[in-house]
Amino acid sequence: MIIRILPSALDDLADGFLFYEYQKSGLGNHFLATLESEIDKLDYEASIHPVVYDFYHVKYSDKFPYAIFYYIFEGTVMVDAVLDCRRDPDWIIERLN
């Protein structure tokens, strides 16, 4: 399956990188590598994750407190958001709207 990371998700990944890199040098790169690997797994895992917030599937990261929000459109996995699960749930819902 084709995976497309939308600009909004790329911004989320950049924000996460900066946050973790500020915590410890090199941790931002580890964050990106981990989340990119988990996004790549959507190639064969797409649609097995629960649907939340209307039509979004959510895949939780194994190593970071982040969730990958995606939907499937015409055979393509559209990654729309990669969000910190520690955020206010109302903010997350608003961000997905």
C-alpha atoms as a PDB file:
ATOM      1  CA  MET A   1       0.000   0.000   0.000  1.00  0.00           C
ATOM      2  CA  ILE A   2       1.220   3.528  -0.729  1.00  0.00           C
ATOM      3  CA  ILE A   3       1.896   5.751   2.282  1.00  0.00           C
ATOM      4  CA  ARG A   4       1.645   9.518   1.986  1.00  0.00           C
ATOM      5  CA  ILE A   5       2.769  11.694   4.876  1.00  0.00           C
ATOM      6  CA  LEU A   6       0.828  14.943   4.684  1.00  0.00           C
ATOM      7  CA  PRO A   7       2.505  18.301   5.416  1.00  0.00           C
ATOM      8  CA  SER A   8       0.656  18.580   8.735  1.00  0.00           C
ATOM      9  CA  ALA A   9       2.201  15.286   9.905  1.00  0.00           C
ATOM     10  CA  LEU A  10       5.640  16.382   8.714  1.00  0.00           C
ATOM     11  CA  ASP A  11       5.249  19.500  10.868  1.00  0.00           C
ATOM     12  CA  ASP A  12       4.279  17.305  13.824  1.00  0.00           C
ATOM     13  CA  LEU A  13       7.372  15.159  13.323  1.00  0.00           C
ATOM     14  CA  ALA A  14       9.572  18.266  13.151  1.00  0.00           C
ATOM     15  CA  ASP A  15       8.048  19.559  16.392  1.00  0.00           C
ATOM     16  CA  GLY A  16       8.659  16.203  18.086  1.00  0.00           C
ATOM     17  CA  PHE A  17      12.233  16.142  16.813  1.00  0.00           C
ATOM     18  CA  LEU A  18      12.922  19.595  18.271  1.00  0.00           C
ATOM     19  CA  PHE A  19      11.331  18.688  21.601  1.00  0.00           C
ATOM     20  CA  TYR A  20      13.379  15.513  22.037  1.00  0.00           C
ATOM     21  CA  GLU A  21      16.587  17.005  20.658  1.00  0.00           C
ATOM     22  CA  TYR A  22      16.277  19.775  23.248  1.00  0.00           C
ATOM     23  CA  GLN A  23      15.985  17.117  25.973  1.00  0.00           C
ATOM     24  CA  LYS A  24      19.143  15.309  24.879  1.00  0.00           C
ATOM     25  CA  SER A  25      21.351  15.563  21.828  1.00  0.00           C
ATOM     26  CA  GLY A  26      20.657  12.678  19.447  1.00  0.00           C
ATOM     27  CA  LEU A  27      17.289  11.817  20.979  1.00  0.00           C
ATOM     28  CA  GLY A  28      15.510  13.784  18.262  1.00  0.00           C
ATOM     29  CA  ASN A  29      17.092  11.579  15.601  1.00  0.00           C
ATOM     30  CA  HIS A  30      16.051   8.477  17.535  1.00  0.00           C
ATOM     31  CA  PHE A  31      12.494   9.853  17.736  1.00  0.00           C
ATOM     32  CA  LEU A  32      12.370  10.441  13.965  1.00  0.00           C
ATOM     33  CA  ALA A  33      13.837   7.042  13.108  1.00  0.00           C
ATOM     34  CA  THR A  34      11.379   5.299  15.427  1.00  0.00           C
ATOM     35  CA  LEU A  35       8.284   7.110  14.168  1.00  0.00           C
ATOM     36  CA  GLU A  36       9.319   6.764  10.522  1.00  0.00           C
ATOM     37  CA  SER A  37       9.763   3.025  11.036  1.00  0.00           C
ATOM     38  CA  GLU A  38       6.333   2.784  12.638  1.00  0.00           C
ATOM     39  CA  ILE A  39       4.799   4.765   9.764  1.00  0.00           C
ATOM     40  CA  ASP A  40       6.494   2.443   7.264  1.00  0.00           C
ATOM     41  CA  LYS A  41       4.773  -0.523   8.948  1.00  0.00           C
ATOM     42  CA  LEU A  42       1.434   0.936   7.859  1.00  0.00           C
ATOM     43  CA  ASP A  43       2.267  -0.557   4.462  1.00  0.00           C
ATOM     44  CA  TYR A  44       1.003  -3.901   5.759  1.00  0.00           C
ATOM     45  CA  GLU A  45      -0.732  -2.880   8.997  1.00  0.00           C
ATOM     46  CA  ALA A  46      -3.116  -0.290   7.566  1.00  0.00           C
ATOM     47  CA  SER A  47      -6.712  -0.528   8.738  1.00  0.00           C
ATOM     48  CA  ILE A  48      -5.994  -2.951  11.617  1.00  0.00           C
ATOM     49  CA  HIS A  49      -5.906  -0.056  14.084  1.00  0.00           C
ATOM     50  CA  PRO A  50      -9.058   1.258  15.770  1.00  0.00           C
ATOM     51  CA  VAL A  51     -11.015   4.070  14.175  1.00  0.00           C
ATOM     52  CA  VAL A  52     -11.311   7.193  16.327  1.00  0.00           C
ATOM     53  CA  TYR A  53     -12.482  10.736  15.667  1.00  0.00           C
ATOM     54  CA  ASP A  54     -14.734  10.036  12.700  1.00  0.00           C
ATOM     55  CA  PHE A  55     -12.620   8.243  10.096  1.00  0.00           C
ATOM     56  CA  TYR A  56      -9.095   8.360  11.538  1.00  0.00           C
ATOM     57  CA  HIS A  57      -7.291   5.189  12.464  1.00  0.00           C
ATOM     58  CA  VAL A  58      -4.837   5.537  15.339  1.00  0.00           C
ATOM     59  CA  LYS A  59      -1.575   3.647  15.764  1.00  0.00           C
ATOM     60  CA  TYR A  60       0.271   4.198  19.036  1.00  0.00           C
ATOM     61  CA  SER A  61       4.042   4.341  19.100  1.00  0.00           C
ATOM     62  CA  ASP A  62       5.759   1.592  21.056  1.00  0.00           C
ATOM     63  CA  LYS A  63       8.618   3.781  22.299  1.00  0.00           C
ATOM     64  CA  PHE A  64       7.329   7.352  22.496  1.00  0.00           C
ATOM     65  CA  PRO A  65       4.044   8.763  23.848  1.00  0.00           C
ATOM     66  CA  TYR A  66       2.880   9.580  20.332  1.00  0.00           C
ATOM     67  CA  ALA A  67       0.012   8.468  18.135  1.00  0.00           C
ATOM     68  CA  ILE A  68      -0.097   8.313  14.357  1.00  0.00           C
ATOM     69  CA  PHE A  69      -3.469   9.362  12.956  1.00  0.00           C
ATOM     70  CA  TYR A  70      -4.189   8.201   9.434  1.00  0.00           C
ATOM     71  CA  TYR A  71      -7.005   7.415   7.040  1.00  0.00           C
ATOM     72  CA  ILE A  72      -7.194   5.394   3.864  1.00  0.00           C
ATOM     73  CA  PHE A  73      -8.215   7.105   0.644  1.00  0.00           C
ATOM     74  CA  GLU A  74      -8.308   5.267  -2.686  1.00  0.00           C
ATOM     75  CA  GLY A  75      -5.790   2.660  -1.558  1.00  0.00           C
ATOM     76  CA  THR A  76      -3.376   5.180  -0.056  1.00  0.00           C
ATOM     77  CA  VAL A  77      -2.558   5.539   3.633  1.00  0.00           C
ATOM     78  CA  MET A  78      -2.784   9.256   4.381  1.00  0.00           C
ATOM     79  CA  VAL A  79      -0.831  10.099   7.547  1.00  0.00           C
ATOM     80  CA  ASP A  80      -2.411  13.339   8.706  1.00  0.00           C
ATOM     81  CA  ALA A  81      -1.047  13.787  12.228  1.00  0.00           C
ATOM     82  CA  VAL A  82       1.628  12.469  14.579  1.00  0.00           C
ATOM     83  CA  LEU A  83       0.629  13.808  17.974  1.00  0.00           C
ATOM     84  CA  ASP A  84       1.879  13.699  21.530  1.00  0.00           C
ATOM     85  CA  CYS A  85      -0.661  11.698  23.562  1.00  0.00           C
ATOM     86  CA  ARG A  86       0.091  13.847  26.607  1.00  0.00           C
ATOM     87  CA  ARG A  87      -1.731  16.760  24.965  1.00  0.00           C
ATOM     88  CA  ASP A  88      -5.230  17.750  26.046  1.00  0.00           C
ATOM     89  CA  PRO A  89      -7.669  15.378  24.284  1.00  0.00           C
ATOM     90  CA  ASP A  90      -9.809  18.364  23.256  1.00  0.00           C
ATOM     91  CA  TRP A  91      -6.768  19.892  21.535  1.00  0.00           C
ATOM     92  CA  ILE A  92      -6.147  16.630  19.688  1.00  0.00           C
ATOM     93  CA  ILE A  93      -9.752  16.488  18.473  1.00  0.00           C
ATOM     94  CA  GLU A  94      -9.613  20.109  17.344  1.00  0.00           C
ATOM     95  CA  ARG A  95      -6.292  19.487  15.580  1.00  0.00           C
ATOM     96  CA  LEU A  96      -7.829  16.543  13.682  1.00  0.00           C
ATOM     97  CA  ASN A  97     -10.823  18.636  12.650  1.00  0.00           C
END
